[in-house]
PDB file of N, CA and C in Angstrom:
ATOM      1  N   MET A   1      26.061 -12.254  -2.519  1.00  0.00           N
ATOM      2  CA  MET A   1      24.695 -11.962  -2.891  1.00  0.00           C
ATOM      3  C   MET A   1      24.290 -10.625  -2.304  1.00  0.00           C
ATOM      4  N   ALA A   2      23.743  -9.780  -3.119  1.00  0.00           N
ATOM      5  CA  ALA A   2      23.346  -8.439  -2.681  1.00  0.00           C
ATOM      6  C   ALA A   2      21.986  -8.488  -2.000  1.00  0.00           C
ATOM      7  N   ASP A   3      21.767  -7.546  -1.120  1.00  0.00           N
ATOM      8  CA  ASP A   3      20.469  -7.438  -0.458  1.00  0.00           C
ATOM      9  C   ASP A   3      19.501  -6.688  -1.353  1.00  0.00           C
ATOM     10  N   TYR A   4      18.325  -7.236  -1.524  1.00  0.00           N
ATOM     11  CA  TYR A   4      17.280  -6.570  -2.303  1.00  0.00           C
ATOM     12  C   TYR A   4      16.399  -5.811  -1.328  1.00  0.00           C
ATOM     13  N   ILE A   5      16.676  -4.519  -1.178  1.00  0.00           N
ATOM     14  CA  ILE A   5      15.975  -3.742  -0.167  1.00  0.00           C
ATOM     15  C   ILE A   5      14.784  -2.981  -0.714  1.00  0.00           C
ATOM     16  N   HIS A   6      14.568  -3.016  -2.009  1.00  0.00           N
ATOM     17  CA  HIS A   6      13.428  -2.329  -2.598  1.00  0.00           C
ATOM     18  C   HIS A   6      12.519  -3.360  -3.254  1.00  0.00           C
ATOM     19  N   LYS A   7      11.203  -3.182  -3.080  1.00  0.00           N
ATOM     20  CA  LYS A   7      10.289  -4.127  -3.711  1.00  0.00           C
ATOM     21  C   LYS A   7       9.024  -3.407  -4.174  1.00  0.00           C
ATOM     22  N   TYR A   8       8.401  -3.988  -5.161  1.00  0.00           N
ATOM     23  CA  TYR A   8       7.172  -3.458  -5.760  1.00  0.00           C
ATOM     24  C   TYR A   8       6.213  -4.626  -5.930  1.00  0.00           C
ATOM     25  N   TYR A   9       4.972  -4.462  -5.501  1.00  0.00           N
ATOM     26  CA  TYR A   9       3.992  -5.546  -5.578  1.00  0.00           C
ATOM     27  C   TYR A   9       3.198  -5.431  -6.878  1.00  0.00           C
ATOM     28  N   CYS A  10       3.293  -6.464  -7.714  1.00  0.00           N
ATOM     29  CA  CYS A  10       2.516  -6.526  -8.956  1.00  0.00           C
ATOM     30  C   CYS A  10       1.166  -7.132  -8.608  1.00  0.00           C
ATOM     31  N   THR A  11       0.110  -6.333  -8.687  1.00  0.00           N
ATOM     32  CA  THR A  11      -1.217  -6.813  -8.310  1.00  0.00           C
ATOM     33  C   THR A  11      -1.768  -7.812  -9.312  1.00  0.00           C
ATOM     34  N   ARG A  12      -1.323  -7.749 -10.554  1.00  0.00           N
ATOM     35  CA  ARG A  12      -1.806  -8.710 -11.556  1.00  0.00           C
ATOM     36  C   ARG A  12      -1.205 -10.087 -11.343  1.00  0.00           C
ATOM     37  N   CYS A  13       0.084 -10.148 -11.060  1.00  0.00           N
ATOM     38  CA  CYS A  13       0.771 -11.430 -10.844  1.00  0.00           C
ATOM     39  C   CYS A  13       0.691 -11.883  -9.391  1.00  0.00           C
ATOM     40  N   GLU A  14       0.322 -10.954  -8.506  1.00  0.00           N
ATOM     41  CA  GLU A  14       0.267 -11.206  -7.071  1.00  0.00           C
ATOM     42  C   GLU A  14       1.618 -11.688  -6.535  1.00  0.00           C
ATOM     43  N   ARG A  15       2.673 -10.943  -6.904  1.00  0.00           N
ATOM     44  CA  ARG A  15       4.010 -11.264  -6.412  1.00  0.00           C
ATOM     45  C   ARG A  15       4.841  -9.987  -6.374  1.00  0.00           C
ATOM     46  N   PHE A  16       5.934 -10.047  -5.606  1.00  0.00           N
ATOM     47  CA  PHE A  16       6.829  -8.904  -5.491  1.00  0.00           C
ATOM     48  C   PHE A  16       7.930  -8.976  -6.538  1.00  0.00           C
ATOM     49  N   ILE A  17       8.368  -7.800  -6.975  1.00  0.00           N
ATOM     50  CA  ILE A  17       9.531  -7.653  -7.839  1.00  0.00           C
ATOM     51  C   ILE A  17      10.545  -6.878  -7.005  1.00  0.00           C
ATOM     52  N   TYR A  18      11.782  -7.370  -6.957  1.00  0.00           N
ATOM     53  CA  TYR A  18      12.800  -6.807  -6.074  1.00  0.00           C
ATOM     54  C   TYR A  18      13.910  -6.116  -6.858  1.00  0.00           C
ATOM     55  N   GLY A  19      14.610  -5.187  -6.174  1.00  0.00           N
ATOM     56  CA  GLY A  19      15.755  -4.517  -6.767  1.00  0.00           C
ATOM     57  C   GLY A  19      16.746  -4.075  -5.710  1.00  0.00           C
ATOM     58  N   GLU A  20      18.019  -4.083  -6.066  1.00  0.00           N
ATOM     59  CA  GLU A  20      19.070  -3.645  -5.143  1.00  0.00           C
ATOM     60  C   GLU A  20      19.006  -2.142  -4.913  1.00  0.00           C
ATOM     61  N   THR A  21      18.661  -1.406  -5.958  1.00  0.00           N
ATOM     62  CA  THR A  21      18.505   0.041  -5.879  1.00  0.00           C
ATOM     63  C   THR A  21      17.182   0.407  -6.523  1.00  0.00           C
ATOM     64  N   LEU A  22      16.768   1.650  -6.359  1.00  0.00           N
ATOM     65  CA  LEU A  22      15.525   2.096  -6.993  1.00  0.00           C
ATOM     66  C   LEU A  22      15.633   2.046  -8.513  1.00  0.00           C
ATOM     67  N   ALA A  23      16.810   2.373  -9.052  1.00  0.00           N
ATOM     68  CA  ALA A  23      16.996   2.345 -10.505  1.00  0.00           C
ATOM     69  C   ALA A  23      16.879   0.920 -11.045  1.00  0.00           C
ATOM     70  N   ILE A  24      17.476  -0.036 -10.357  1.00  0.00           N
ATOM     71  CA  ILE A  24      17.394  -1.442 -10.792  1.00  0.00           C
ATOM     72  C   ILE A  24      15.960  -1.939 -10.685  1.00  0.00           C
ATOM     73  N   LEU A  25      15.261  -1.563  -9.605  1.00  0.00           N
ATOM     74  CA  LEU A  25      13.866  -1.955  -9.453  1.00  0.00           C
ATOM     75  C   LEU A  25      13.013  -1.357 -10.565  1.00  0.00           C
ATOM     76  N   ALA A  26      13.244  -0.100 -10.899  1.00  0.00           N
ATOM     77  CA  ALA A  26      12.480   0.547 -11.971  1.00  0.00           C
ATOM     78  C   ALA A  26      12.710  -0.158 -13.302  1.00  0.00           C
ATOM     79  N   ASN A  27      13.957  -0.503 -13.605  1.00  0.00           N
ATOM     80  CA  ASN A  27      14.251  -1.220 -14.847  1.00  0.00           C
ATOM     81  C   ASN A  27      13.590  -2.589 -14.872  1.00  0.00           C
ATOM     82  N   ALA A  28      13.646  -3.304 -13.748  1.00  0.00           N
ATOM     83  CA  ALA A  28      13.020  -4.629 -13.679  1.00  0.00           C
ATOM     84  C   ALA A  28      11.507  -4.525 -13.846  1.00  0.00           C
ATOM     85  N   LEU A  29      10.918  -3.521 -13.240  1.00  0.00           N
ATOM     86  CA  LEU A  29       9.470  -3.350 -13.340  1.00  0.00           C
ATOM     87  C   LEU A  29       9.058  -2.938 -14.748  1.00  0.00           C
ATOM     88  N   ASN A  30       9.851  -2.084 -15.397  1.00  0.00           N
ATOM     89  CA  ASN A  30       9.559  -1.709 -16.784  1.00  0.00           C
ATOM     90  C   ASN A  30       9.621  -2.927 -17.700  1.00  0.00           C
ATOM     91  N   TYR A  31      10.626  -3.772 -17.504  1.00  0.00           N
ATOM     92  CA  TYR A  31      10.744  -4.990 -18.296  1.00  0.00           C
ATOM     93  C   TYR A  31       9.559  -5.916 -18.026  1.00  0.00           C
ATOM     94  N   HIS A  32       9.211  -6.069 -16.750  1.00  0.00           N
ATOM     95  CA  HIS A  32       8.096  -6.938 -16.365  1.00  0.00           C
ATOM     96  C   HIS A  32       6.789  -6.449 -17.001  1.00  0.00           C
ATOM     97  N   ALA A  33       6.519  -5.160 -16.909  1.00  0.00           N
ATOM     98  CA  ALA A  33       5.282  -4.618 -17.472  1.00  0.00           C
ATOM     99  C   ALA A  33       5.244  -4.765 -18.990  1.00  0.00           C
ATOM    100  N   THR A  34       6.371  -4.517 -19.641  1.00  0.00           N
ATOM    101  CA  THR A  34       6.422  -4.645 -21.099  1.00  0.00           C
ATOM    102  C   THR A  34       6.213  -6.088 -21.538  1.00  0.00           C
ATOM    103  N   ALA A  35       6.812  -7.021 -20.820  1.00  0.00           N
ATOM    104  CA  ALA A  35       6.725  -8.432 -21.196  1.00  0.00           C
ATOM    105  C   ALA A  35       5.396  -9.073 -20.836  1.00  0.00           C
ATOM    106  N   PHE A  36       4.850  -8.746 -19.662  1.00  0.00           N
ATOM    107  CA  PHE A  36       3.681  -9.461 -19.173  1.00  0.00           C
ATOM    108  C   PHE A  36       2.390  -8.641 -19.144  1.00  0.00           C
ATOM    109  N   HIS A  37       2.499  -7.331 -19.061  1.00  0.00           N
ATOM    110  CA  HIS A  37       1.315  -6.467 -18.969  1.00  0.00           C
ATOM    111  C   HIS A  37       1.484  -5.260 -19.905  1.00  0.00           C
ATOM    112  N   PRO A  38       1.422  -5.465 -21.220  1.00  0.00           N
ATOM    113  CA  PRO A  38       1.720  -4.377 -22.170  1.00  0.00           C
ATOM    114  C   PRO A  38       0.830  -3.144 -22.032  1.00  0.00           C
ATOM    115  N   SER A  39      -0.344  -3.301 -21.452  1.00  0.00           N
ATOM    116  CA  SER A  39      -1.227  -2.138 -21.310  1.00  0.00           C
ATOM    117  C   SER A  39      -0.923  -1.324 -20.057  1.00  0.00           C
ATOM    118  N   ASP A  40      -0.042  -1.810 -19.190  1.00  0.00           N
ATOM    119  CA  ASP A  40       0.310  -1.092 -17.960  1.00  0.00           C
ATOM    120  C   ASP A  40       1.400  -0.062 -18.211  1.00  0.00           C
ATOM    121  N   PHE A  41       1.521   0.867 -17.282  1.00  0.00           N
ATOM    122  CA  PHE A  41       2.568   1.888 -17.324  1.00  0.00           C
ATOM    123  C   PHE A  41       3.938   1.222 -17.236  1.00  0.00           C
ATOM    124  N   ALA A  42       4.842   1.580 -18.140  1.00  0.00           N
ATOM    125  CA  ALA A  42       6.173   0.962 -18.154  1.00  0.00           C
ATOM    126  C   ALA A  42       7.257   2.012 -18.351  1.00  0.00           C
ATOM    127  N   ASN A  43       7.115   3.123 -17.657  1.00  0.00           N
ATOM    128  CA  ASN A  43       8.100   4.194 -17.772  1.00  0.00           C
ATOM    129  C   ASN A  43       8.558   4.626 -16.378  1.00  0.00           C
ATOM    130  N   TRP A  44       8.779   3.651 -15.501  1.00  0.00           N
ATOM    131  CA  TRP A  44       9.206   3.948 -14.145  1.00  0.00           C
ATOM    132  C   TRP A  44      10.650   4.439 -14.124  1.00  0.00           C
ATOM    133  N   THR A  45      10.924   5.353 -13.211  1.00  0.00           N
ATOM    134  CA  THR A  45      12.288   5.832 -12.970  1.00  0.00           C
ATOM    135  C   THR A  45      12.575   5.700 -11.472  1.00  0.00           C
ATOM    136  N   ALA A  46      13.819   5.892 -11.114  1.00  0.00           N
ATOM    137  CA  ALA A  46      14.188   5.827  -9.693  1.00  0.00           C
ATOM    138  C   ALA A  46      13.478   6.915  -8.895  1.00  0.00           C
ATOM    139  N   ASP A  47      13.164   8.028  -9.540  1.00  0.00           N
ATOM    140  CA  ASP A  47      12.518   9.130  -8.829  1.00  0.00           C
ATOM    141  C   ASP A  47      11.034   8.898  -8.583  1.00  0.00           C
ATOM    142  N   ASN A  48      10.327   8.309  -9.561  1.00  0.00           N
ATOM    143  CA  ASN A  48       8.878   8.218  -9.389  1.00  0.00           C
ATOM    144  C   ASN A  48       8.381   6.885  -8.847  1.00  0.00           C
ATOM    145  N   ILE A  49       9.183   5.847  -8.862  1.00  0.00           N
ATOM    146  CA  ILE A  49       8.697   4.550  -8.378  1.00  0.00           C
ATOM    147  C   ILE A  49       8.475   4.550  -6.867  1.00  0.00           C
ATOM    148  N   ALA A  50       9.268   5.318  -6.130  1.00  0.00           N
ATOM    149  CA  ALA A  50       9.128   5.350  -4.675  1.00  0.00           C
ATOM    150  C   ALA A  50       7.825   6.012  -4.241  1.00  0.00           C
ATOM    151  N   GLY A  51       7.185   6.758  -5.131  1.00  0.00           N
ATOM    152  CA  GLY A  51       5.911   7.400  -4.811  1.00  0.00           C
ATOM    153  C   GLY A  51       4.712   6.512  -5.048  1.00  0.00           C
ATOM    154  N   SER A  52       4.916   5.324  -5.603  1.00  0.00           N
ATOM    155  CA  SER A  52       3.816   4.421  -5.888  1.00  0.00           C
ATOM    156  C   SER A  52       3.295   3.766  -4.614  1.00  0.00           C
ATOM    157  N   ASN A  53       1.997   3.516  -4.581  1.00  0.00           N
ATOM    158  CA  ASN A  53       1.404   2.832  -3.435  1.00  0.00           C
ATOM    159  C   ASN A  53       1.847   1.380  -3.337  1.00  0.00           C
ATOM    160  N   HIS A  54       2.372   0.830  -4.418  1.00  0.00           N
ATOM    161  CA  HIS A  54       2.773  -0.574  -4.431  1.00  0.00           C
ATOM    162  C   HIS A  54       4.254  -0.768  -4.084  1.00  0.00           C
ATOM    163  N   TYR A  55       4.962   0.334  -3.853  1.00  0.00           N
ATOM    164  CA  TYR A  55       6.393   0.260  -3.516  1.00  0.00           C
ATOM    165  C   TYR A  55       6.570   0.215  -2.005  1.00  0.00           C
ATOM    166  N   THR A  56       7.462  -0.635  -1.540  1.00  0.00           N
ATOM    167  CA  THR A  56       7.869  -0.622  -0.134  1.00  0.00           C
ATOM    168  C   THR A  56       9.363  -0.901  -0.058  1.00  0.00           C
ATOM    169  N   ALA A  57       9.963  -0.430   1.003  1.00  0.00           N
ATOM    170  CA  ALA A  57      11.358  -0.739   1.265  1.00  0.00           C
ATOM    171  C   ALA A  57      11.365  -1.963   2.173  1.00  0.00           C
ATOM    172  N   ALA A  58      11.972  -3.036   1.742  1.00  0.00           N
ATOM    173  CA  ALA A  58      11.959  -4.290   2.502  1.00  0.00           C
ATOM    174  C   ALA A  58      12.657  -4.144   3.838  1.00  0.00           C
ATOM    175  N   ALA A  59      13.505  -3.129   3.978  1.00  0.00           N
ATOM    176  CA  ALA A  59      14.245  -2.947   5.222  1.00  0.00           C
ATOM    177  C   ALA A  59      13.351  -2.435   6.346  1.00  0.00           C
ATOM    178  N   GLY A  60      12.162  -1.971   6.025  1.00  0.00           N
ATOM    179  CA  GLY A  60      11.263  -1.476   7.066  1.00  0.00           C
ATOM    180  C   GLY A  60      10.144  -0.661   6.462  1.00  0.00           C
ATOM    181  N   PRO A  61       9.225  -0.210   7.296  1.00  0.00           N
ATOM    182  CA  PRO A  61       8.086   0.553   6.775  1.00  0.00           C
ATOM    183  C   PRO A  61       8.516   1.924   6.268  1.00  0.00           C
ATOM    184  N   LEU A  62       7.780   2.446   5.313  1.00  0.00           N
ATOM    185  CA  LEU A  62       8.051   3.779   4.796  1.00  0.00           C
ATOM    186  C   LEU A  62       7.739   4.822   5.866  1.00  0.00           C
ATOM    187  N   PRO A  63       8.368   5.978   5.815  1.00  0.00           N
ATOM    188  CA  PRO A  63       8.184   6.985   6.878  1.00  0.00           C
ATOM    189  C   PRO A  63       6.729   7.389   7.095  1.00  0.00           C
ATOM    190  N   GLN A  64       5.919   7.458   6.040  1.00  0.00           N
ATOM    191  CA  GLN A  64       4.536   7.891   6.214  1.00  0.00           C
ATOM    192  C   GLN A  64       3.712   6.897   7.026  1.00  0.00           C
ATOM    193  N   TYR A  65       4.184   5.654   7.133  1.00  0.00           N
ATOM    194  CA  TYR A  65       3.458   4.679   7.927  1.00  0.00           C
ATOM    195  C   TYR A  65       3.892   4.680   9.391  1.00  0.00           C
ATOM    196  N   LEU A  66       4.907   5.444   9.703  1.00  0.00           N
ATOM    197  CA  LEU A  66       5.364   5.536  11.084  1.00  0.00           C
ATOM    198  C   LEU A  66       4.658   6.656  11.843  1.00  0.00           C
ATOM    199  N   ALA A  67       4.024   7.602  11.113  1.00  0.00           N
ATOM    200  CA  ALA A  67       3.317   8.705  11.751  1.00  0.00           C
ATOM    201  C   ALA A  67       1.994   8.201  12.318  1.00  0.00           C
ATOM    202  N   VAL A  68       1.631   8.699  13.496  1.00  0.00           N
ATOM    203  CA  VAL A  68       0.383   8.299  14.135  1.00  0.00           C
ATOM    204  C   VAL A  68      -0.747   9.143  13.573  1.00  0.00           C
ATOM    205  N   HIS A  69      -1.792   8.485  13.121  1.00  0.00           N
ATOM    206  CA  HIS A  69      -2.974   9.176  12.608  1.00  0.00           C
ATOM    207  C   HIS A  69      -4.171   8.741  13.433  1.00  0.00           C
ATOM    208  N   GLY A  70      -4.958   9.692  13.907  1.00  0.00           N
ATOM    209  CA  GLY A  70      -6.137   9.333  14.680  1.00  0.00           C
ATOM    210  C   GLY A  70      -5.769   8.922  16.086  1.00  0.00           C
ATOM    211  N   THR A  71      -6.409   7.876  16.558  1.00  0.00           N
ATOM    212  CA  THR A  71      -6.203   7.437  17.928  1.00  0.00           C
ATOM    213  C   THR A  71      -5.706   6.001  17.967  1.00  0.00           C
ATOM    214  N   THR A  72      -4.997   5.685  19.003  1.00  0.00           N
ATOM    215  CA  THR A  72      -4.568   4.306  19.207  1.00  0.00           C
ATOM    216  C   THR A  72      -5.344   3.674  20.359  1.00  0.00           C
ATOM    217  N   SER A  73      -6.358   4.379  20.850  1.00  0.00           N
ATOM    218  CA  SER A  73      -7.158   3.867  21.958  1.00  0.00           C
ATOM    219  C   SER A  73      -8.003   2.690  21.505  1.00  0.00           C
ATOM    220  N   LYS A  74      -8.091   1.684  22.345  1.00  0.00           N
ATOM    221  CA  LYS A  74      -8.911   0.519  22.030  1.00  0.00           C
ATOM    222  C   LYS A  74     -10.290   0.607  22.688  1.00  0.00           C
ATOM    223  N   ARG A  75     -10.552   1.676  23.404  1.00  0.00           N
ATOM    224  CA  ARG A  75     -11.831   1.861  24.063  1.00  0.00           C
ATOM    225  C   ARG A  75     -12.888   2.246  23.038  1.00  0.00           C
ATOM    226  N   LEU A  76     -14.018   1.553  23.085  1.00  0.00           N
ATOM    227  CA  LEU A  76     -15.107   1.868  22.168  1.00  0.00           C
ATOM    228  C   LEU A  76     -15.847   3.106  22.653  1.00  0.00           C
ATOM    229  N   PRO A  77     -16.209   4.002  21.741  1.00  0.00           N
ATOM    230  CA  PRO A  77     -16.954   5.193  22.172  1.00  0.00           C
ATOM    231  C   PRO A  77     -18.376   4.818  22.588  1.00  0.00           C
ATOM    232  N   ASP A  78     -18.948   5.628  23.475  1.00  0.00           N
ATOM    233  CA  ASP A  78     -20.316   5.397  23.917  1.00  0.00           C
ATOM    234  C   ASP A  78     -21.288   5.766  22.808  1.00  0.00           C
ATOM    235  N   LEU A  79     -22.374   5.007  22.718  1.00  0.00           N
ATOM    236  CA  LEU A  79     -23.408   5.313  21.731  1.00  0.00           C
ATOM    237  C   LEU A  79     -24.286   6.437  22.255  1.00  0.00           C
ATOM    238  N   THR A  80     -24.515   7.431  21.434  1.00  0.00           N
ATOM    239  CA  THR A  80     -25.398   8.532  21.801  1.00  0.00           C
ATOM    240  C   THR A  80     -26.800   8.210  21.310  1.00  0.00           C
ATOM    241  N   GLU A  81     -27.755   9.028  21.715  1.00  0.00           N
ATOM    242  CA  GLU A  81     -29.136   8.847  21.244  1.00  0.00           C
ATOM    243  C   GLU A  81     -29.210   9.049  19.738  1.00  0.00           C
ATOM    244  N   ALA A  82     -28.400   9.962  19.197  1.00  0.00           N
ATOM    245  CA  ALA A  82     -28.371  10.170  17.743  1.00  0.00           C
ATOM    246  C   ALA A  82     -27.851   8.922  17.032  1.00  0.00           C
ATOM    247  N   ASP A  83     -26.858   8.274  17.622  1.00  0.00           N
ATOM    248  CA  ASP A  83     -26.333   7.029  17.053  1.00  0.00           C
ATOM    249  C   ASP A  83     -27.410   5.949  17.047  1.00  0.00           C
ATOM    250  N   ARG A  84     -28.150   5.840  18.170  1.00  0.00           N
ATOM    251  CA  ARG A  84     -29.207   4.834  18.260  1.00  0.00           C
ATOM    252  C   ARG A  84     -30.323   5.106  17.245  1.00  0.00           C
ATOM    253  N   ALA A  85     -30.650   6.384  17.053  1.00  0.00           N
ATOM    254  CA  ALA A  85     -31.688   6.732  16.079  1.00  0.00           C
ATOM    255  C   ALA A  85     -31.231   6.388  14.661  1.00  0.00           C
ATOM    256  N   MET A  86     -29.977   6.652  14.361  1.00  0.00           N
ATOM    257  CA  MET A  86     -29.443   6.336  13.040  1.00  0.00           C
ATOM    258  C   MET A  86     -29.453   4.824  12.799  1.00  0.00           C
ATOM    259  N   LEU A  87     -29.075   4.045  13.805  1.00  0.00           N
ATOM    260  CA  LEU A  87     -29.095   2.597  13.685  1.00  0.00           C
ATOM    261  C   LEU A  87     -30.518   2.070  13.525  1.00  0.00           C
ATOM    262  N   ALA A  88     -31.441   2.638  14.286  1.00  0.00           N
ATOM    263  CA  ALA A  88     -32.836   2.217  14.191  1.00  0.00           C
ATOM    264  C   ALA A  88     -33.412   2.532  12.810  1.00  0.00           C
ATOM    265  N   ALA A  89     -33.027   3.686  12.243  1.00  0.00           N
ATOM    266  CA  ALA A  89     -33.497   4.052  10.902  1.00  0.00           C
ATOM    267  C   ALA A  89     -32.980   3.078   9.858  1.00  0.00           C
ATOM    268  N   GLY A  90     -31.821   2.486  10.106  1.00  0.00           N
ATOM    269  CA  GLY A  90     -31.270   1.501   9.180  1.00  0.00           C
ATOM    270  C   GLY A  90     -31.667   0.082   9.530  1.00  0.00           C
ATOM    271  N   HIS A  91     -32.605  -0.050  10.464  1.00  0.00           N
ATOM    272  CA  HIS A  91     -33.113  -1.364  10.906  1.00  0.00           C
ATOM    273  C   HIS A  91     -31.988  -2.242  11.464  1.00  0.00           C
ATOM    274  N   VAL A  92     -31.096  -1.596  12.223  1.00  0.00           N
ATOM    275  CA  VAL A  92     -29.996  -2.313  12.863  1.00  0.00           C
ATOM    276  C   VAL A  92     -30.294  -2.374  14.359  1.00  0.00           C
ATOM    277  N   ARG A  93     -30.353  -3.565  14.882  1.00  0.00           N
ATOM    278  CA  ARG A  93     -30.587  -3.724  16.314  1.00  0.00           C
ATOM    279  C   ARG A  93     -29.265  -3.716  17.046  1.00  0.00           C
ATOM    280  N   TRP A  94     -29.131  -2.861  18.013  1.00  0.00           N
ATOM    281  CA  TRP A  94     -27.880  -2.730  18.759  1.00  0.00           C
ATOM    282  C   TRP A  94     -28.207  -2.823  20.245  1.00  0.00           C
ATOM    283  N   ASP A  95     -27.726  -3.874  20.884  1.00  0.00           N
ATOM    284  CA  ASP A  95     -28.007  -4.060  22.306  1.00  0.00           C
ATOM    285  C   ASP A  95     -26.897  -3.508  23.156  1.00  0.00           C
TER     286      ASP A  95
END
């Protein structure tokens, strides 16, 4: 049995479609879209499917998710007077 290391999440069916290679996954997804979702895009290739937001490699996270963005600090920032004024204008009570 081969390892299915590529997957694509079908938001309409709420399930994953798997493939051994990107080309096999693209073919499976094109067949799936043609059979079950005729109005959806069904011209996936091995080159463009990896750029989709619904594609992931089952072997691990994609490289763009490994980069640190922003801060990893769990400390909450202090509220300034401007923050309190903005909250008060929105009728939000903050103790």
